């Protein structure tokens, strides 16, 4: 019996801020936490934190990886991604 696996194209990360009241983010993989002052989401480029006031998720499409946030946006920051390479010694000795 053959199974078809839907091939998913790699997500492309893009951030568009219109004024300080609308943010559109593509490349979204998951929304970890949200309330009116903070939204924490996982993107294909790492963890993104959106801070502000009266934040509302206007549109969320995880299949397409797109998120739209309305409200007063004060900051957009990224957490550093963990290093994939490991330490120098672990790379040298295995």
N, C-alpha and C. Protein backbone atom coordinates (compact mmCIF):
# COMPACT_ATOMS: atom_id res chain seq x y z
N UNK A 1 0.85 -1.17 0.00
CA UNK A 1 0.00 0.00 0.00
C UNK A 1 0.90 1.23 0.00
N UNK A 2 0.68 2.13 -0.93
CA UNK A 2 1.51 3.32 -1.07
C UNK A 2 0.89 4.48 -0.30
N UNK A 3 1.74 5.25 0.33
CA UNK A 3 1.30 6.44 1.06
C UNK A 3 1.91 7.65 0.38
N UNK A 4 1.12 8.68 0.28
CA UNK A 4 1.64 9.94 -0.25
C UNK A 4 1.91 10.87 0.90
N UNK A 5 3.07 11.43 0.91
CA UNK A 5 3.43 12.40 1.93
C UNK A 5 3.46 13.77 1.27
N UNK A 6 2.68 14.68 1.81
CA UNK A 6 2.65 16.02 1.24
C UNK A 6 3.99 16.70 1.50
N UNK A 7 4.61 17.13 0.43
CA UNK A 7 5.89 17.82 0.59
C UNK A 7 5.62 19.27 0.96
N UNK A 8 6.26 19.72 2.01
CA UNK A 8 6.07 21.09 2.44
C UNK A 8 7.28 21.89 2.03
N UNK A 9 7.03 22.99 1.40
CA UNK A 9 8.12 23.87 1.00
C UNK A 9 8.70 24.52 2.25
N UNK A 10 9.99 24.81 2.25
CA UNK A 10 10.58 25.45 3.42
C UNK A 10 9.96 26.83 3.64
N UNK A 11 9.75 27.15 4.91
CA UNK A 11 9.16 28.44 5.25
C UNK A 11 10.16 29.56 5.04
N UNK A 12 9.68 30.66 4.54
CA UNK A 12 10.50 31.85 4.36
C UNK A 12 10.09 32.86 5.42
N UNK A 13 11.05 33.37 6.17
CA UNK A 13 10.78 34.30 7.26
C UNK A 13 10.80 35.73 6.74
N UNK A 14 9.71 36.44 7.01
CA UNK A 14 9.61 37.83 6.61
C UNK A 14 8.84 38.56 7.70
N UNK A 15 9.27 39.79 8.00
CA UNK A 15 8.62 40.61 9.02
C UNK A 15 8.26 41.94 8.38
N UNK A 16 6.98 42.33 8.50
CA UNK A 16 6.53 43.60 7.95
C UNK A 16 5.77 44.34 9.05
N UNK A 17 6.25 45.54 9.37
CA UNK A 17 5.63 46.36 10.40
C UNK A 17 5.04 47.60 9.73
N UNK A 18 3.73 47.75 9.84
CA UNK A 18 3.03 48.91 9.28
C UNK A 18 2.72 49.87 10.41
N UNK A 19 3.45 51.00 10.44
CA UNK A 19 3.32 51.91 11.57
C UNK A 19 3.78 51.18 12.82
N UNK A 20 3.04 51.38 13.89
CA UNK A 20 3.31 50.60 15.10
C UNK A 20 2.08 49.83 15.53
N UNK A 21 1.14 49.66 14.58
CA UNK A 21 -0.11 49.02 14.98
C UNK A 21 -0.47 47.76 14.20
N UNK A 22 0.35 47.33 13.24
CA UNK A 22 0.09 46.08 12.55
C UNK A 22 1.41 45.41 12.17
N UNK A 23 1.55 44.16 12.57
CA UNK A 23 2.74 43.38 12.29
C UNK A 23 2.32 42.12 11.55
N UNK A 24 2.99 41.83 10.45
CA UNK A 24 2.75 40.61 9.70
C UNK A 24 4.06 39.82 9.67
N UNK A 25 3.99 38.56 10.09
CA UNK A 25 5.18 37.71 10.16
C UNK A 25 4.90 36.44 9.36
N UNK A 26 5.81 36.08 8.48
CA UNK A 26 5.71 34.79 7.78
C UNK A 26 6.85 33.90 8.27
N UNK A 27 6.72 32.61 8.04
CA UNK A 27 7.71 31.65 8.55
C UNK A 27 7.41 31.22 9.96
N UNK A 28 6.16 31.39 10.40
CA UNK A 28 5.76 31.04 11.77
C UNK A 28 5.48 29.55 11.84
N UNK A 29 6.08 28.90 12.83
CA UNK A 29 5.88 27.47 13.04
C UNK A 29 4.91 27.18 14.18
N UNK A 30 4.92 28.04 15.22
CA UNK A 30 4.07 27.80 16.38
C UNK A 30 3.95 29.08 17.20
N UNK A 31 2.82 29.24 17.89
CA UNK A 31 2.66 30.32 18.86
C UNK A 31 2.74 29.68 20.24
N UNK A 32 3.80 30.00 20.97
CA UNK A 32 4.04 29.36 22.27
C UNK A 32 3.19 29.98 23.37
N UNK A 33 3.02 31.31 23.33
CA UNK A 33 2.30 32.00 24.40
C UNK A 33 1.85 33.35 23.87
N UNK A 34 0.68 33.79 24.33
CA UNK A 34 0.25 35.13 23.97
C UNK A 34 -0.70 35.70 25.00
N UNK A 35 -0.63 36.99 25.20
CA UNK A 35 -1.60 37.76 25.96
C UNK A 35 -1.61 39.17 25.39
N UNK A 36 -2.23 40.12 26.05
CA UNK A 36 -2.38 41.46 25.50
C UNK A 36 -1.07 42.26 25.47
N UNK A 37 -0.04 41.79 26.19
CA UNK A 37 1.20 42.55 26.24
C UNK A 37 2.40 41.82 25.63
N UNK A 38 2.27 40.53 25.32
CA UNK A 38 3.42 39.77 24.82
C UNK A 38 2.95 38.57 24.01
N UNK A 39 3.62 38.37 22.87
CA UNK A 39 3.37 37.18 22.04
C UNK A 39 4.72 36.52 21.80
N UNK A 40 4.82 35.24 22.13
CA UNK A 40 6.05 34.47 21.92
C UNK A 40 5.74 33.43 20.86
N UNK A 41 6.51 33.48 19.76
CA UNK A 41 6.25 32.55 18.68
C UNK A 41 7.55 31.96 18.17
N UNK A 42 7.43 30.76 17.62
CA UNK A 42 8.57 30.07 17.04
C UNK A 42 8.50 30.26 15.54
N UNK A 43 9.60 30.76 14.97
CA UNK A 43 9.68 30.94 13.52
C UNK A 43 10.79 30.04 12.98
N UNK A 44 10.89 29.98 11.68
CA UNK A 44 11.95 29.17 11.07
C UNK A 44 13.33 29.79 11.30
N UNK A 45 13.39 31.01 11.84
CA UNK A 45 14.65 31.67 12.16
C UNK A 45 14.90 31.77 13.66
N UNK A 46 14.08 31.13 14.48
CA UNK A 46 14.27 31.17 15.93
C UNK A 46 13.04 31.72 16.64
N UNK A 47 13.16 31.91 17.94
CA UNK A 47 12.05 32.39 18.76
C UNK A 47 11.95 33.90 18.66
N UNK A 48 10.75 34.39 18.37
CA UNK A 48 10.49 35.82 18.25
C UNK A 48 9.55 36.24 19.38
N UNK A 49 9.84 37.40 19.97
CA UNK A 49 9.01 37.94 21.03
C UNK A 49 8.51 39.31 20.59
N UNK A 50 7.19 39.46 20.61
CA UNK A 50 6.55 40.74 20.26
C UNK A 50 5.97 41.31 21.54
N UNK A 51 6.40 42.52 21.91
CA UNK A 51 5.91 43.17 23.12
C UNK A 51 5.13 44.41 22.73
N UNK A 52 4.11 44.73 23.52
CA UNK A 52 3.31 45.90 23.24
C UNK A 52 2.12 45.99 24.16
N UNK A 53 1.09 46.70 23.71
CA UNK A 53 -0.13 46.88 24.47
C UNK A 53 -1.33 46.55 23.59
N UNK A 54 -2.34 45.95 24.20
CA UNK A 54 -3.58 45.59 23.52
C UNK A 54 -3.32 44.78 22.24
N UNK A 55 -2.40 43.81 22.34
CA UNK A 55 -2.05 42.97 21.19
C UNK A 55 -3.15 41.94 20.95
N UNK A 56 -3.50 41.78 19.70
CA UNK A 56 -4.51 40.80 19.29
C UNK A 56 -3.99 40.08 18.05
N UNK A 57 -4.18 38.78 18.02
CA UNK A 57 -3.83 38.01 16.83
C UNK A 57 -5.02 38.11 15.89
N UNK A 58 -4.82 38.83 14.78
CA UNK A 58 -5.89 39.03 13.83
C UNK A 58 -6.01 37.87 12.86
N UNK A 59 -4.89 37.26 12.50
CA UNK A 59 -4.88 36.17 11.54
C UNK A 59 -3.75 35.23 11.90
N UNK A 60 -4.04 33.94 11.90
CA UNK A 60 -3.02 32.93 12.17
C UNK A 60 -3.25 31.76 11.23
N UNK A 61 -2.28 31.50 10.37
CA UNK A 61 -2.35 30.38 9.44
C UNK A 61 -1.06 29.59 9.60
N UNK A 62 -1.11 28.52 10.40
CA UNK A 62 0.10 27.72 10.61
C UNK A 62 0.43 26.88 9.39
N UNK A 63 -0.57 26.52 8.58
CA UNK A 63 -0.28 25.77 7.36
C UNK A 63 0.59 26.60 6.42
N UNK A 64 0.29 27.89 6.32
CA UNK A 64 1.07 28.78 5.47
C UNK A 64 2.15 29.50 6.24
N UNK A 65 2.13 29.41 7.57
CA UNK A 65 3.16 30.02 8.40
C UNK A 65 3.05 31.53 8.51
N UNK A 66 1.81 32.05 8.54
CA UNK A 66 1.64 33.50 8.58
C UNK A 66 0.84 33.93 9.80
N UNK A 67 1.28 35.04 10.40
CA UNK A 67 0.65 35.59 11.59
C UNK A 67 0.49 37.09 11.41
N UNK A 68 -0.67 37.62 11.82
CA UNK A 68 -0.89 39.06 11.79
C UNK A 68 -1.28 39.51 13.19
N UNK A 69 -0.59 40.54 13.68
CA UNK A 69 -0.82 41.06 15.02
C UNK A 69 -1.28 42.51 14.90
N UNK A 70 -2.35 42.85 15.62
CA UNK A 70 -2.85 44.21 15.69
C UNK A 70 -2.69 44.70 17.12
N UNK A 71 -2.45 45.99 17.29
CA UNK A 71 -2.28 46.61 18.60
C UNK A 71 -1.07 47.52 18.57
N UNK A 72 -0.70 48.06 19.72
CA UNK A 72 0.49 48.93 19.79
C UNK A 72 1.72 48.05 19.98
N UNK A 73 2.60 48.05 19.00
CA UNK A 73 3.79 47.21 19.02
C UNK A 73 4.96 48.05 19.49
N UNK A 74 5.54 47.67 20.62
CA UNK A 74 6.66 48.41 21.20
C UNK A 74 8.01 47.79 20.86
N UNK A 75 8.08 46.46 20.71
CA UNK A 75 9.37 45.81 20.46
C UNK A 75 9.17 44.47 19.78
N UNK A 76 10.10 44.15 18.90
CA UNK A 76 10.18 42.83 18.28
C UNK A 76 11.61 42.35 18.48
N UNK A 77 11.77 41.26 19.22
CA UNK A 77 13.11 40.76 19.51
C UNK A 77 13.18 39.26 19.20
N UNK A 78 14.41 38.79 19.03
CA UNK A 78 14.67 37.37 18.79
C UNK A 78 15.52 36.84 19.92
N UNK A 79 15.24 35.60 20.33
CA UNK A 79 16.14 34.90 21.23
C UNK A 79 17.19 34.20 20.38
N UNK A 80 18.39 34.12 20.89
CA UNK A 80 19.45 33.45 20.14
C UNK A 80 19.11 31.98 19.98
N UNK A 81 19.40 31.47 18.79
CA UNK A 81 19.21 30.04 18.54
C UNK A 81 20.38 29.29 19.17
N UNK A 82 20.14 28.12 19.70
CA UNK A 82 21.26 27.34 20.23
C UNK A 82 22.21 26.96 19.11
N UNK A 83 23.45 26.93 19.42
CA UNK A 83 24.47 26.61 18.42
C UNK A 83 24.33 25.16 18.00
N UNK A 84 24.33 24.93 16.71
CA UNK A 84 24.22 23.57 16.17
C UNK A 84 25.58 22.90 16.06
N UNK A 85 26.63 23.69 16.14
CA UNK A 85 27.96 23.17 15.86
C UNK A 85 28.61 22.47 17.05
N UNK A 86 28.30 22.84 18.25
CA UNK A 86 28.95 22.25 19.40
C UNK A 86 30.28 22.94 19.69
N UNK A 87 30.97 22.47 20.70
CA UNK A 87 32.24 23.10 21.07
C UNK A 87 33.35 22.64 20.12
N UNK A 88 34.46 23.34 20.18
CA UNK A 88 35.61 23.00 19.33
C UNK A 88 36.11 21.59 19.63
N UNK A 89 36.19 21.22 20.92
CA UNK A 89 36.69 19.89 21.28
C UNK A 89 35.76 18.80 20.80
N UNK A 90 34.44 19.02 20.93
CA UNK A 90 33.52 17.97 20.48
C UNK A 90 33.55 17.81 18.97
N UNK A 91 33.83 18.90 18.24
CA UNK A 91 33.96 18.79 16.79
C UNK A 91 35.26 18.10 16.39
N UNK A 92 36.33 18.30 17.17
CA UNK A 92 37.62 17.69 16.84
C UNK A 92 37.64 16.20 17.17
N UNK A 93 37.06 15.84 18.34
CA UNK A 93 37.19 14.46 18.83
C UNK A 93 35.92 13.65 18.71
N UNK A 94 34.91 14.20 18.10
CA UNK A 94 33.83 13.38 17.77
C UNK A 94 32.54 13.34 18.35
